[in-house]
């Protein structure tokens, strides 16, 4: 009879081999994006918003309708920020972090 550890390892390997597992090896992980906010460099996960990136640096972006657990409305326009190569200010709560 197999030990529990051996059984668990075999079962885990089966799921990885048959792509039933959501965990990806580090080599397949998506790279972080390099950004600069107010001259301060940082790395963020792809898909994060500008307001989340700013908060991770400790930069407060005024907002009224944004909450991380609610859907993004971007109605109040209080969190408008200037994004490089954008023709006009964009709402930080609804703008995905731009690729460098």
Protein backbone atom coordinates (compact mmCIF):
# COMPACT_ATOMS: atom_id res chain seq x y z
CA UNK A 1 0.00 0.00 0.00
CA UNK A 2 1.27 3.46 -0.94
CA UNK A 3 2.01 5.99 1.70
CA UNK A 4 -0.20 9.06 1.77
CA UNK A 5 2.67 11.30 0.62
CA UNK A 6 3.50 9.06 -2.34
CA UNK A 7 -0.17 8.82 -3.32
CA UNK A 8 -0.61 12.61 -3.10
CA UNK A 9 2.54 13.25 -5.16
CA UNK A 10 1.42 10.78 -7.86
CA UNK A 11 -2.06 12.30 -7.96
CA UNK A 12 -0.64 15.83 -8.21
CA UNK A 13 1.74 14.83 -11.01
CA UNK A 14 -1.16 13.22 -12.92
CA UNK A 15 -3.12 16.48 -12.84
CA UNK A 16 -0.11 18.50 -13.97
CA UNK A 17 0.64 16.06 -16.80
CA UNK A 18 -2.97 16.12 -18.00
CA UNK A 19 -3.34 19.91 -17.65
CA UNK A 20 -6.12 19.65 -15.06
CA UNK A 21 -4.22 21.97 -12.78
CA UNK A 22 -4.54 25.75 -12.75
CA UNK A 23 -1.11 26.17 -11.20
CA UNK A 24 1.47 27.00 -13.82
CA UNK A 25 5.19 26.44 -13.45
CA UNK A 26 7.16 29.65 -12.92
CA UNK A 27 8.54 29.46 -16.46
CA UNK A 28 4.99 29.87 -17.81
CA UNK A 29 3.97 32.63 -15.40
CA UNK A 30 3.19 35.98 -16.96
CA UNK A 31 5.93 38.56 -16.45
CA UNK A 32 5.33 41.66 -14.39
CA UNK A 33 4.90 45.03 -16.09
CA UNK A 34 7.43 47.77 -15.38
CA UNK A 35 5.80 51.14 -14.73
CA UNK A 36 6.79 54.54 -13.48
CA UNK A 37 4.44 56.71 -11.43
CA UNK A 38 5.62 60.21 -10.48
CA UNK A 39 9.17 59.18 -11.33
CA UNK A 40 9.04 56.11 -9.03
CA UNK A 41 9.51 52.72 -10.72
CA UNK A 42 7.42 49.70 -9.80
CA UNK A 43 6.33 46.31 -11.12
CA UNK A 44 2.69 45.26 -11.29
CA UNK A 45 0.77 42.22 -12.45
CA UNK A 46 -0.74 42.45 -15.94
CA UNK A 47 -4.38 43.49 -15.75
CA UNK A 48 -4.05 45.61 -12.61
CA UNK A 49 -5.40 49.15 -12.83
CA UNK A 50 -3.51 52.41 -12.52
CA UNK A 51 -5.20 53.17 -9.19
CA UNK A 52 -4.09 49.79 -7.78
CA UNK A 53 -0.53 50.43 -8.97
CA UNK A 54 -0.52 53.87 -7.35
CA UNK A 55 -1.88 52.47 -4.08
CA UNK A 56 0.89 49.85 -4.03
CA UNK A 57 3.40 52.73 -4.04
CA UNK A 58 1.53 54.52 -1.29
CA UNK A 59 0.31 57.23 -3.65
CA UNK A 60 -3.24 58.30 -2.89
CA UNK A 61 -5.44 58.93 -5.93
CA UNK A 62 -8.67 60.71 -4.88
CA UNK A 63 -11.72 58.66 -5.80
CA UNK A 64 -15.41 58.55 -5.01
CA UNK A 65 -17.03 55.65 -6.85
CA UNK A 66 -14.13 53.15 -6.76
CA UNK A 67 -14.01 50.16 -4.42
CA UNK A 68 -11.88 47.09 -5.13
CA UNK A 69 -14.75 44.70 -4.35
CA UNK A 70 -17.32 46.41 -6.60
CA UNK A 71 -17.64 46.60 -10.37
CA UNK A 72 -15.87 49.52 -12.00
CA UNK A 73 -18.21 52.38 -12.87
CA UNK A 74 -15.77 55.27 -13.52
CA UNK A 75 -18.71 57.66 -13.28
CA UNK A 76 -17.41 60.30 -10.88
CA UNK A 77 -14.24 61.16 -12.85
CA UNK A 78 -12.56 62.15 -9.61
CA UNK A 79 -9.59 59.82 -10.23
CA UNK A 80 -8.50 61.24 -13.59
CA UNK A 81 -4.76 60.83 -14.19
CA UNK A 82 -2.43 61.74 -17.02
CA UNK A 83 -1.12 58.63 -18.79
CA UNK A 84 1.83 58.87 -21.15
CA UNK A 85 0.79 58.77 -24.84
CA UNK A 86 -2.89 59.27 -23.95
CA UNK A 87 -4.52 62.34 -25.55
CA UNK A 88 -6.49 63.27 -22.42
CA UNK A 89 -6.65 62.29 -18.73
CA UNK A 90 -8.06 58.82 -18.03
CA UNK A 91 -9.90 57.42 -14.99
CA UNK A 92 -7.32 55.56 -12.89
CA UNK A 93 -9.94 53.14 -11.58
CA UNK A 94 -10.84 51.85 -15.05
CA UNK A 95 -7.53 52.14 -16.90
CA UNK A 96 -5.43 48.99 -17.03
CA UNK A 97 -1.73 49.49 -16.34
CA UNK A 98 -0.14 50.43 -19.65
CA UNK A 99 2.61 48.28 -21.07
CA UNK A 100 5.98 49.99 -21.01
